[in-house]
Amino acid sequence: MIAMDQIIREGDPILRQKTEKVELPASEEDKETLSEMLQFVKNSQDDEMVKKYQLRPGVGLAAPQIGISKRMLAVHFTDFHDKSYSYGLFNPKILSHSVEKTYLQNGEGCLSVDRDVPGIVPRYARITVKATTLEGEEVKLRLKGYAAIVLQHEIDHLDGVMFYDHINQDNPFQPPENSTPAEEM
């Protein structure tokens, strides 16, 4: 079981590296790791597990955050319209995105960042992601709003990008042009 002390914190160089593609079909070891990552995210949302293991709640986890430089991520969340998403993904890639932007009004957080980083993080409002699931199935996910934000945040980790890299340093609370808050999408 993955615990908080295994989560790599900001400042560690692995969080700034571009990750390697996972050889498919995935090895048993990679499947096991991705499975554990998904279980961690689920556990981090379970009040009993949070209390018992001092977990910080999260909606996603990328492999670099546990010290593995591979293109793997896990997400488990419900969007603002009560639609649930739960995926362990190998080699996720954004195929296309909207011109329109979106953002979370309260900003973003990260399991690897132990401080509050105020500011709006501009994201694409709609994205299409191609990936391979834990079960080895190739999928194309068309996501918008909150779901699109979560996947972009985790895919950024695979490219060595942190969420606060996107915040406008001169005006951190300036909503991006041509944008709608995810809460309203």
N, C-alpha and C. Protein backbone atom coordinates (compact mmCIF):
# COMPACT_ATOMS: atom_id res chain seq x y z
N MET A 1 0.83 -1.19 0.00
CA MET A 1 0.00 0.00 0.00
C MET A 1 0.87 1.25 0.00
N ILE A 2 0.55 2.20 -0.86
CA ILE A 2 1.29 3.46 -0.92
C ILE A 2 0.82 4.34 0.24
N ALA A 3 1.77 4.97 0.93
CA ALA A 3 1.47 5.87 2.04
C ALA A 3 2.04 7.26 1.72
N MET A 4 1.65 8.26 2.50
CA MET A 4 2.07 9.64 2.24
C MET A 4 3.60 9.80 2.24
N ASP A 5 4.31 8.99 3.05
CA ASP A 5 5.77 9.15 3.11
C ASP A 5 6.45 8.67 1.83
N GLN A 6 5.68 8.03 0.94
CA GLN A 6 6.24 7.61 -0.36
C GLN A 6 5.97 8.63 -1.46
N ILE A 7 5.18 9.66 -1.14
CA ILE A 7 4.88 10.69 -2.13
C ILE A 7 6.06 11.66 -2.22
N ILE A 8 6.60 11.79 -3.42
CA ILE A 8 7.74 12.69 -3.68
C ILE A 8 7.25 14.13 -3.59
N ARG A 9 8.01 14.96 -2.88
CA ARG A 9 7.61 16.36 -2.69
C ARG A 9 8.35 17.28 -3.65
N GLU A 10 7.75 18.47 -3.86
CA GLU A 10 8.35 19.45 -4.77
C GLU A 10 9.78 19.73 -4.36
N GLY A 11 10.61 19.97 -5.36
CA GLY A 11 12.03 20.17 -5.12
C GLY A 11 12.83 18.95 -5.58
N ASP A 12 12.18 17.77 -5.57
CA ASP A 12 12.85 16.55 -6.04
C ASP A 12 12.94 16.63 -7.57
N PRO A 13 14.15 16.42 -8.13
CA PRO A 13 14.33 16.56 -9.58
C PRO A 13 13.44 15.64 -10.43
N ILE A 14 12.99 14.50 -9.90
CA ILE A 14 12.17 13.58 -10.71
C ILE A 14 10.86 14.25 -11.14
N LEU A 15 10.37 15.20 -10.33
CA LEU A 15 9.12 15.89 -10.67
C LEU A 15 9.28 16.84 -11.85
N ARG A 16 10.52 17.10 -12.25
CA ARG A 16 10.78 18.00 -13.37
C ARG A 16 11.26 17.26 -14.61
N GLN A 17 11.26 15.93 -14.56
CA GLN A 17 11.72 15.14 -15.71
C GLN A 17 10.55 14.73 -16.59
N LYS A 18 10.84 14.63 -17.89
CA LYS A 18 9.87 14.06 -18.82
C LYS A 18 9.97 12.54 -18.67
N THR A 19 8.83 11.89 -18.51
CA THR A 19 8.83 10.45 -18.23
C THR A 19 8.96 9.61 -19.50
N GLU A 20 9.31 8.34 -19.30
CA GLU A 20 9.45 7.38 -20.39
C GLU A 20 8.11 6.69 -20.66
N LYS A 21 7.86 6.37 -21.94
CA LYS A 21 6.66 5.60 -22.28
C LYS A 21 6.73 4.22 -21.65
N VAL A 22 5.57 3.68 -21.31
CA VAL A 22 5.50 2.33 -20.77
C VAL A 22 5.43 1.36 -21.94
N GLU A 23 6.26 0.35 -21.92
CA GLU A 23 6.25 -0.70 -22.94
C GLU A 23 4.94 -1.47 -22.82
N LEU A 24 4.20 -1.57 -23.92
CA LEU A 24 2.92 -2.29 -23.90
C LEU A 24 3.01 -3.57 -24.70
N PRO A 25 2.32 -4.64 -24.35
CA PRO A 25 1.48 -4.72 -23.16
C PRO A 25 2.31 -4.53 -21.88
N ALA A 26 1.69 -3.90 -20.89
CA ALA A 26 2.38 -3.55 -19.65
C ALA A 26 2.85 -4.80 -18.91
N SER A 27 4.00 -4.68 -18.27
CA SER A 27 4.53 -5.78 -17.46
C SER A 27 3.66 -5.94 -16.21
N GLU A 28 3.76 -7.09 -15.58
CA GLU A 28 3.02 -7.34 -14.34
C GLU A 28 3.42 -6.30 -13.29
N GLU A 29 4.71 -5.96 -13.27
CA GLU A 29 5.20 -4.98 -12.30
C GLU A 29 4.55 -3.61 -12.52
N ASP A 30 4.48 -3.16 -13.80
CA ASP A 30 3.85 -1.87 -14.10
C ASP A 30 2.35 -1.90 -13.77
N LYS A 31 1.70 -3.00 -14.08
CA LYS A 31 0.26 -3.13 -13.76
C LYS A 31 0.04 -3.06 -12.26
N GLU A 32 0.90 -3.76 -11.52
CA GLU A 32 0.80 -3.76 -10.05
C GLU A 32 0.99 -2.35 -9.49
N THR A 33 2.00 -1.65 -10.01
CA THR A 33 2.28 -0.28 -9.55
C THR A 33 1.08 0.62 -9.83
N LEU A 34 0.56 0.55 -11.05
CA LEU A 34 -0.57 1.41 -11.42
C LEU A 34 -1.81 1.07 -10.60
N SER A 35 -2.00 -0.19 -10.34
CA SER A 35 -3.10 -0.65 -9.50
C SER A 35 -2.99 -0.08 -8.09
N GLU A 36 -1.78 -0.10 -7.55
CA GLU A 36 -1.53 0.46 -6.21
C GLU A 36 -1.74 1.97 -6.20
N MET A 37 -1.37 2.64 -7.30
CA MET A 37 -1.58 4.09 -7.40
C MET A 37 -3.07 4.41 -7.35
N LEU A 38 -3.85 3.65 -8.11
CA LEU A 38 -5.30 3.87 -8.13
C LEU A 38 -5.90 3.60 -6.75
N GLN A 39 -5.44 2.55 -6.10
CA GLN A 39 -5.92 2.22 -4.76
C GLN A 39 -5.58 3.33 -3.76
N PHE A 40 -4.39 3.92 -3.92
CA PHE A 40 -3.99 5.03 -3.04
C PHE A 40 -4.98 6.19 -3.18
N VAL A 41 -5.32 6.55 -4.43
CA VAL A 41 -6.22 7.68 -4.65
C VAL A 41 -7.59 7.37 -4.03
N LYS A 42 -8.07 6.15 -4.22
CA LYS A 42 -9.35 5.74 -3.61
C LYS A 42 -9.25 5.81 -2.08
N ASN A 43 -8.16 5.27 -1.51
CA ASN A 43 -7.97 5.29 -0.05
C ASN A 43 -7.95 6.71 0.48
N SER A 44 -7.35 7.64 -0.30
CA SER A 44 -7.20 9.02 0.15
C SER A 44 -8.55 9.74 0.24
N GLN A 45 -9.60 9.11 -0.31
CA GLN A 45 -10.94 9.70 -0.26
C GLN A 45 -11.85 8.96 0.72
N ASP A 46 -11.30 7.96 1.39
CA ASP A 46 -12.05 7.16 2.34
C ASP A 46 -11.71 7.66 3.75
N ASP A 47 -12.70 8.24 4.45
CA ASP A 47 -12.45 8.87 5.75
C ASP A 47 -11.72 7.97 6.74
N GLU A 48 -12.11 6.70 6.79
CA GLU A 48 -11.46 5.76 7.71
C GLU A 48 -9.99 5.57 7.36
N MET A 49 -9.70 5.37 6.07
CA MET A 49 -8.32 5.17 5.62
C MET A 49 -7.48 6.44 5.85
N VAL A 50 -8.10 7.60 5.59
CA VAL A 50 -7.41 8.88 5.77
C VAL A 50 -6.96 9.01 7.23
N LYS A 51 -7.88 8.72 8.14
CA LYS A 51 -7.58 8.82 9.57
C LYS A 51 -6.53 7.79 9.99
N LYS A 52 -6.75 6.55 9.57
CA LYS A 52 -5.88 5.44 9.98
C LYS A 52 -4.45 5.61 9.49
N TYR A 53 -4.28 6.09 8.23
CA TYR A 53 -2.95 6.16 7.64
C TYR A 53 -2.45 7.59 7.39
N GLN A 54 -3.15 8.58 7.96
CA GLN A 54 -2.79 10.00 7.78
C GLN A 54 -2.58 10.36 6.30
N LEU A 55 -3.56 10.03 5.48
CA LEU A 55 -3.48 10.34 4.05
C LEU A 55 -4.04 11.73 3.78
N ARG A 56 -3.49 12.38 2.75
CA ARG A 56 -4.07 13.64 2.28
C ARG A 56 -4.99 13.29 1.12
N PRO A 57 -6.22 13.78 1.15
CA PRO A 57 -7.14 13.47 0.05
C PRO A 57 -6.61 13.99 -1.29
N GLY A 58 -6.79 13.16 -2.33
CA GLY A 58 -6.37 13.54 -3.67
C GLY A 58 -7.30 12.92 -4.69
N VAL A 59 -7.28 13.44 -5.90
CA VAL A 59 -8.12 12.89 -6.99
C VAL A 59 -7.27 12.23 -8.07
N GLY A 60 -5.96 12.43 -7.99
CA GLY A 60 -5.09 11.84 -9.00
C GLY A 60 -3.67 11.67 -8.49
N LEU A 61 -2.94 10.78 -9.16
CA LEU A 61 -1.55 10.52 -8.80
C LEU A 61 -0.82 10.09 -10.07
N ALA A 62 0.34 10.71 -10.30
CA ALA A 62 1.17 10.35 -11.45
C ALA A 62 2.40 9.60 -10.95
N ALA A 63 2.91 8.68 -11.76
CA ALA A 63 4.05 7.84 -11.36
C ALA A 63 5.25 8.61 -10.83
N PRO A 64 5.62 9.78 -11.41
CA PRO A 64 6.77 10.50 -10.85
C PRO A 64 6.57 10.88 -9.38
N GLN A 65 5.32 11.01 -8.96
CA GLN A 65 5.04 11.38 -7.58
C GLN A 65 5.36 10.26 -6.59
N ILE A 66 5.60 9.06 -7.11
CA ILE A 66 6.07 7.98 -6.24
C ILE A 66 7.47 7.51 -6.69
N GLY A 67 8.16 8.41 -7.40
CA GLY A 67 9.55 8.15 -7.75
C GLY A 67 9.77 7.29 -8.97
N ILE A 68 8.74 7.13 -9.81
CA ILE A 68 8.87 6.29 -11.01
C ILE A 68 8.69 7.16 -12.25
N SER A 69 9.72 7.22 -13.08
CA SER A 69 9.69 8.09 -14.25
C SER A 69 9.09 7.39 -15.47
N LYS A 70 7.81 7.01 -15.33
CA LYS A 70 7.09 6.35 -16.43
C LYS A 70 5.75 7.04 -16.64
N ARG A 71 5.22 6.91 -17.88
CA ARG A 71 3.96 7.56 -18.24
C ARG A 71 2.77 6.74 -17.74
N MET A 72 2.50 6.88 -16.43
CA MET A 72 1.38 6.19 -15.80
C MET A 72 0.71 7.18 -14.84
N LEU A 73 -0.63 7.14 -14.83
CA LEU A 73 -1.35 7.98 -13.88
C LEU A 73 -2.63 7.28 -13.45
N ALA A 74 -3.11 7.68 -12.28
CA ALA A 74 -4.36 7.14 -11.75
C ALA A 74 -5.24 8.31 -11.33
N VAL A 75 -6.53 8.23 -11.66
CA VAL A 75 -7.50 9.25 -11.23
C VAL A 75 -8.75 8.55 -10.70
N HIS A 76 -9.35 9.18 -9.70
CA HIS A 76 -10.58 8.65 -9.12
C HIS A 76 -11.31 9.86 -8.52
N PHE A 77 -12.43 10.25 -9.15
CA PHE A 77 -13.15 11.43 -8.67
C PHE A 77 -14.55 11.48 -9.27
N THR A 78 -15.35 12.38 -8.74
CA THR A 78 -16.69 12.66 -9.26
C THR A 78 -16.70 14.14 -9.64
N ASP A 79 -17.21 14.45 -10.84
CA ASP A 79 -17.21 15.85 -11.28
C ASP A 79 -18.39 16.62 -10.69
N PHE A 80 -18.56 17.86 -11.11
CA PHE A 80 -19.61 18.73 -10.56
C PHE A 80 -21.01 18.32 -11.01
N HIS A 81 -21.11 17.34 -11.90
CA HIS A 81 -22.41 16.84 -12.37
C HIS A 81 -22.64 15.41 -11.92
N ASP A 82 -21.94 14.99 -10.86
CA ASP A 82 -22.06 13.66 -10.28
C ASP A 82 -21.66 12.53 -11.22
N LYS A 83 -20.83 12.83 -12.20
CA LYS A 83 -20.32 11.77 -13.07
C LYS A 83 -18.99 11.29 -12.48
N SER A 84 -18.87 9.97 -12.33
CA SER A 84 -17.66 9.39 -11.72
C SER A 84 -16.64 8.96 -12.77
N TYR A 85 -15.39 9.13 -12.40
CA TYR A 85 -14.26 8.74 -13.25
C TYR A 85 -13.30 7.95 -12.38
N SER A 86 -12.86 6.81 -12.86
CA SER A 86 -11.88 6.02 -12.12
C SER A 86 -11.04 5.25 -13.14
N TYR A 87 -9.79 5.68 -13.30
CA TYR A 87 -8.93 5.08 -14.31
C TYR A 87 -7.50 4.94 -13.82
N GLY A 88 -6.87 3.85 -14.23
CA GLY A 88 -5.42 3.72 -14.19
C GLY A 88 -5.03 3.74 -15.66
N LEU A 89 -4.18 4.68 -16.06
CA LEU A 89 -3.87 4.85 -17.48
C LEU A 89 -2.36 4.75 -17.76
N PHE A 90 -2.04 4.03 -18.82
CA PHE A 90 -0.68 3.96 -19.34
C PHE A 90 -0.59 4.88 -20.56
N ASN A 91 0.51 5.59 -20.68
CA ASN A 91 0.83 6.42 -21.85
C ASN A 91 -0.30 7.36 -22.28
N PRO A 92 -0.91 8.10 -21.33
CA PRO A 92 -1.97 9.02 -21.74
C PRO A 92 -1.39 10.16 -22.58
N LYS A 93 -2.13 10.54 -23.61
CA LYS A 93 -1.68 11.59 -24.51
C LYS A 93 -2.88 12.44 -24.91
N ILE A 94 -2.72 13.75 -24.83
CA ILE A 94 -3.79 14.65 -25.26
C ILE A 94 -3.73 14.73 -26.79
N LEU A 95 -4.80 14.26 -27.44
CA LEU A 95 -4.86 14.27 -28.91
C LEU A 95 -5.34 15.62 -29.43
N SER A 96 -6.31 16.21 -28.72
CA SER A 96 -6.85 17.50 -29.15
C SER A 96 -7.40 18.23 -27.94
N HIS A 97 -7.54 19.55 -28.11
CA HIS A 97 -8.09 20.37 -27.02
C HIS A 97 -8.82 21.57 -27.60
N SER A 98 -9.70 22.14 -26.77
CA SER A 98 -10.47 23.30 -27.19
C SER A 98 -9.60 24.56 -27.14
N VAL A 99 -10.09 25.61 -27.79
CA VAL A 99 -9.46 26.92 -27.67
C VAL A 99 -9.93 27.51 -26.33
N GLU A 100 -11.19 27.27 -26.02
CA GLU A 100 -11.77 27.77 -24.77
C GLU A 100 -11.02 27.21 -23.56
N LYS A 101 -10.89 28.04 -22.54
CA LYS A 101 -10.18 27.63 -21.32
C LYS A 101 -11.17 27.46 -20.17
N THR A 102 -10.69 26.83 -19.12
CA THR A 102 -11.44 26.69 -17.88
C THR A 102 -10.45 26.74 -16.73
N TYR A 103 -10.97 26.78 -15.51
CA TYR A 103 -10.11 26.83 -14.33
C TYR A 103 -10.97 26.55 -13.10
N LEU A 104 -10.31 26.21 -12.00
CA LEU A 104 -11.00 26.04 -10.72
C LEU A 104 -10.90 27.37 -9.98
N GLN A 105 -12.03 27.89 -9.53
CA GLN A 105 -12.05 29.21 -8.90
C GLN A 105 -11.16 29.27 -7.65
N ASN A 106 -11.01 28.16 -6.94
CA ASN A 106 -10.16 28.14 -5.75
C ASN A 106 -8.74 27.67 -6.03
N GLY A 107 -8.38 27.54 -7.30
CA GLY A 107 -7.04 27.10 -7.66
C GLY A 107 -6.90 25.59 -7.55
N GLU A 108 -5.70 25.09 -7.74
CA GLU A 108 -5.42 23.66 -7.68
C GLU A 108 -4.46 23.34 -6.54
N GLY A 109 -4.47 22.09 -6.13
CA GLY A 109 -3.54 21.61 -5.13
C GLY A 109 -2.85 20.37 -5.67
N CYS A 110 -1.92 19.85 -4.91
CA CYS A 110 -1.15 18.69 -5.38
C CYS A 110 -0.61 17.94 -4.19
N LEU A 111 -0.65 16.62 -4.24
CA LEU A 111 -0.12 15.79 -3.15
C LEU A 111 1.39 16.00 -2.96
N SER A 112 2.07 16.46 -4.00
CA SER A 112 3.51 16.68 -3.91
C SER A 112 3.86 18.09 -3.42
N VAL A 113 2.85 18.93 -3.22
CA VAL A 113 3.08 20.31 -2.80
C VAL A 113 2.44 20.52 -1.43
N ASP A 114 3.29 20.75 -0.43
CA ASP A 114 2.81 20.87 0.96
C ASP A 114 2.48 22.30 1.37
N ARG A 115 2.31 23.17 0.38
CA ARG A 115 1.98 24.55 0.70
C ARG A 115 0.80 24.99 -0.16
N ASP A 116 0.13 26.04 0.28
CA ASP A 116 -0.96 26.59 -0.49
C ASP A 116 -0.36 27.48 -1.57
N VAL A 117 -0.74 27.27 -2.82
CA VAL A 117 -0.25 28.12 -3.90
C VAL A 117 -1.47 28.81 -4.52
N PRO A 118 -1.75 30.06 -4.06
CA PRO A 118 -2.93 30.75 -4.56
C PRO A 118 -2.76 31.20 -6.02
N GLY A 119 -3.87 31.15 -6.74
CA GLY A 119 -3.86 31.61 -8.13
C GLY A 119 -4.66 30.70 -9.03
N ILE A 120 -5.07 31.26 -10.15
CA ILE A 120 -5.85 30.54 -11.15
C ILE A 120 -4.91 29.79 -12.08
N VAL A 121 -5.23 28.51 -12.32
CA VAL A 121 -4.44 27.67 -13.22
C VAL A 121 -5.26 27.49 -14.51
N PRO A 122 -4.90 28.19 -15.58
CA PRO A 122 -5.67 28.04 -16.83
C PRO A 122 -5.47 26.65 -17.44
N ARG A 123 -6.57 26.05 -17.85
CA ARG A 123 -6.56 24.72 -18.49
C ARG A 123 -7.47 24.76 -19.71
N TYR A 124 -7.30 23.79 -20.60
CA TYR A 124 -8.23 23.67 -21.73
C TYR A 124 -9.57 23.19 -21.20
N ALA A 125 -10.66 23.75 -21.71
CA ALA A 125 -12.01 23.40 -21.25
C ALA A 125 -12.40 21.99 -21.68
N ARG A 126 -11.94 21.58 -22.87
CA ARG A 126 -12.26 20.24 -23.38
C ARG A 126 -11.00 19.62 -23.96
N ILE A 127 -10.82 18.33 -23.66
CA ILE A 127 -9.66 17.60 -24.21
C ILE A 127 -10.11 16.20 -24.63
N THR A 128 -9.36 15.63 -25.57
CA THR A 128 -9.53 14.22 -25.93
C THR A 128 -8.20 13.55 -25.60
N VAL A 129 -8.28 12.53 -24.76
CA VAL A 129 -7.08 11.80 -24.32
C VAL A 129 -7.13 10.38 -24.83
N LYS A 130 -6.00 9.93 -25.37
CA LYS A 130 -5.87 8.53 -25.79
C LYS A 130 -4.93 7.87 -24.79
N ALA A 131 -5.28 6.68 -24.32
CA ALA A 131 -4.45 5.97 -23.35
C ALA A 131 -4.79 4.49 -23.39
N THR A 132 -4.05 3.72 -22.62
CA THR A 132 -4.32 2.30 -22.44
C THR A 132 -4.67 2.09 -20.97
N THR A 133 -5.78 1.40 -20.72
CA THR A 133 -6.24 1.17 -19.34
C THR A 133 -5.43 0.08 -18.67
N LEU A 134 -5.64 -0.05 -17.37
CA LEU A 134 -5.02 -1.12 -16.58
C LEU A 134 -5.32 -2.49 -17.18
N GLU A 135 -6.50 -2.61 -17.79
CA GLU A 135 -6.93 -3.88 -18.37
C GLU A 135 -6.35 -4.11 -19.77
N GLY A 136 -5.56 -3.12 -20.25
CA GLY A 136 -4.93 -3.28 -21.56
C GLY A 136 -5.79 -2.81 -22.73
N GLU A 137 -6.88 -2.13 -22.42
CA GLU A 137 -7.79 -1.65 -23.46
C GLU A 137 -7.39 -0.24 -23.88
N GLU A 138 -7.32 0.00 -25.20
CA GLU A 138 -7.03 1.35 -25.68
C GLU A 138 -8.32 2.16 -25.63
N VAL A 139 -8.26 3.35 -25.02
CA VAL A 139 -9.45 4.19 -24.88
C VAL A 139 -9.18 5.60 -25.39
N LYS A 140 -10.28 6.26 -25.80
CA LYS A 140 -10.25 7.68 -26.14
C LYS A 140 -11.26 8.32 -25.21
N LEU A 141 -10.78 9.20 -24.34
CA LEU A 141 -11.67 9.87 -23.38
C LEU A 141 -11.90 11.30 -23.82
N ARG A 142 -13.16 11.66 -23.98
CA ARG A 142 -13.51 13.06 -24.28
C ARG A 142 -13.97 13.68 -22.97
N LEU A 143 -13.20 14.64 -22.50
CA LEU A 143 -13.43 15.20 -21.17
C LEU A 143 -13.63 16.71 -21.24
N LYS A 144 -14.45 17.22 -20.30
CA LYS A 144 -14.62 18.67 -20.23
C LYS A 144 -14.67 19.10 -18.78
N GLY A 145 -14.47 20.39 -18.56
CA GLY A 145 -14.57 20.96 -17.23
C GLY A 145 -13.61 20.32 -16.24
N TYR A 146 -14.15 19.94 -15.07
CA TYR A 146 -13.33 19.42 -13.98
C TYR A 146 -12.54 18.18 -14.40
N ALA A 147 -13.19 17.26 -15.13
CA ALA A 147 -12.50 16.03 -15.57
C ALA A 147 -11.30 16.38 -16.46
N ALA A 148 -11.48 17.36 -17.34
CA ALA A 148 -10.37 17.79 -18.21
C ALA A 148 -9.24 18.39 -17.38
N ILE A 149 -9.59 19.15 -16.36
CA ILE A 149 -8.58 19.77 -15.49
C ILE A 149 -7.75 18.70 -14.77
N VAL A 150 -8.44 17.72 -14.18
CA VAL A 150 -7.74 16.67 -13.42
C VAL A 150 -6.75 15.93 -14.33
N LEU A 151 -7.20 15.54 -15.52
CA LEU A 151 -6.30 14.80 -16.42
C LEU A 151 -5.14 15.67 -16.90
N GLN A 152 -5.39 16.96 -17.17
CA GLN A 152 -4.29 17.83 -17.59
C GLN A 152 -3.26 17.99 -16.47
N HIS A 153 -3.73 18.10 -15.24
CA HIS A 153 -2.83 18.22 -14.08
C HIS A 153 -1.91 17.00 -13.99
N GLU A 154 -2.51 15.81 -14.11
CA GLU A 154 -1.71 14.58 -13.99
C GLU A 154 -0.80 14.37 -15.20
N ILE A 155 -1.28 14.66 -16.40
CA ILE A 155 -0.44 14.53 -17.60
C ILE A 155 0.73 15.51 -17.53
N ASP A 156 0.50 16.71 -16.98
CA ASP A 156 1.59 17.66 -16.77
C ASP A 156 2.72 17.02 -15.96
N HIS A 157 2.34 16.27 -14.90
CA HIS A 157 3.37 15.60 -14.08
C HIS A 157 4.25 14.69 -14.94
N LEU A 158 3.66 14.07 -15.94
CA LEU A 158 4.42 13.16 -16.80
C LEU A 158 5.40 13.91 -17.71
N ASP A 159 5.18 15.22 -17.83
CA ASP A 159 6.05 16.06 -18.65
C ASP A 159 6.94 16.98 -17.81
N GLY A 160 6.96 16.75 -16.49
CA GLY A 160 7.81 17.55 -15.61
C GLY A 160 7.28 18.94 -15.33
N VAL A 161 5.96 19.13 -15.47
CA VAL A 161 5.34 20.44 -15.27
C VAL A 161 4.51 20.41 -13.98
N MET A 162 4.66 21.45 -13.16
CA MET A 162 3.87 21.57 -11.94
C MET A 162 2.71 22.54 -12.20
N PHE A 163 1.61 22.37 -11.48
CA PHE A 163 0.42 23.21 -11.74
C PHE A 163 0.71 24.69 -11.61
N TYR A 164 1.57 25.07 -10.67
CA TYR A 164 1.82 26.50 -10.45
C TYR A 164 2.65 27.13 -11.56
N ASP A 165 3.24 26.31 -12.44
CA ASP A 165 3.96 26.85 -13.60
C ASP A 165 3.01 27.61 -14.52
N HIS A 166 1.71 27.27 -14.46
CA HIS A 166 0.71 27.89 -15.34
C HIS A 166 0.14 29.20 -14.78
N ILE A 167 0.35 29.47 -13.50
CA ILE A 167 -0.24 30.66 -12.86
C ILE A 167 0.45 31.92 -13.37
N ASN A 168 -0.35 32.91 -13.73
CA ASN A 168 0.16 34.20 -14.19
C ASN A 168 0.83 34.89 -12.99
N GLN A 169 2.15 35.03 -13.06
CA GLN A 169 2.90 35.59 -11.92
C GLN A 169 2.56 37.06 -11.64
N ASP A 170 2.22 37.81 -12.70
CA ASP A 170 1.90 39.23 -12.52
C ASP A 170 0.51 39.45 -11.96
N ASN A 171 -0.42 38.55 -12.32
CA ASN A 171 -1.81 38.70 -11.87
C ASN A 171 -2.40 37.30 -11.64
N PRO A 172 -2.06 36.68 -10.49
CA PRO A 172 -2.42 35.27 -10.25
C PRO A 172 -3.93 34.97 -10.25
N PHE A 173 -4.76 35.97 -10.02
CA PHE A 173 -6.20 35.71 -9.95
C PHE A 173 -6.95 36.18 -11.19
N GLN A 174 -6.22 36.51 -12.25
CA GLN A 174 -6.82 36.95 -13.51
C GLN A 174 -7.32 35.72 -14.27
N PRO A 175 -8.66 35.59 -14.45
CA PRO A 175 -9.15 34.44 -15.23
C PRO A 175 -8.62 34.53 -16.67
N PRO A 176 -8.30 33.38 -17.27
CA PRO A 176 -7.79 33.42 -18.65
C PRO A 176 -8.87 33.94 -19.61
N GLU A 177 -8.42 34.54 -20.71
CA GLU A 177 -9.36 35.01 -21.73
C GLU A 177 -10.14 33.83 -22.28
N ASN A 178 -11.37 34.10 -22.71
CA ASN A 178 -12.20 33.06 -23.33
C ASN A 178 -12.32 31.83 -22.41
N SER A 179 -12.72 32.07 -21.14
CA SER A 179 -12.80 30.96 -20.19
C SER A 179 -14.09 30.96 -19.39
N THR A 180 -14.43 29.80 -18.87
CA THR A 180 -15.57 29.59 -17.98
C THR A 180 -15.05 28.79 -16.79
N PRO A 181 -15.39 29.19 -15.56
CA PRO A 181 -14.96 28.37 -14.43
C PRO A 181 -15.54 26.96 -14.54
N ALA A 182 -14.76 25.96 -14.18
CA ALA A 182 -15.19 24.56 -14.29
C ALA A 182 -16.47 24.31 -13.48
N GLU A 183 -16.61 25.04 -12.38
CA GLU A 183 -17.79 24.88 -11.53
C GLU A 183 -19.09 25.21 -12.29
N GLU A 184 -18.98 26.01 -13.36
CA GLU A 184 -20.15 26.45 -14.13
C GLU A 184 -20.33 25.68 -15.44
N MET A 185 -19.42 24.74 -15.73
CA MET A 185 -19.49 24.03 -17.01
C MET A 185 -20.42 22.83 -16.94
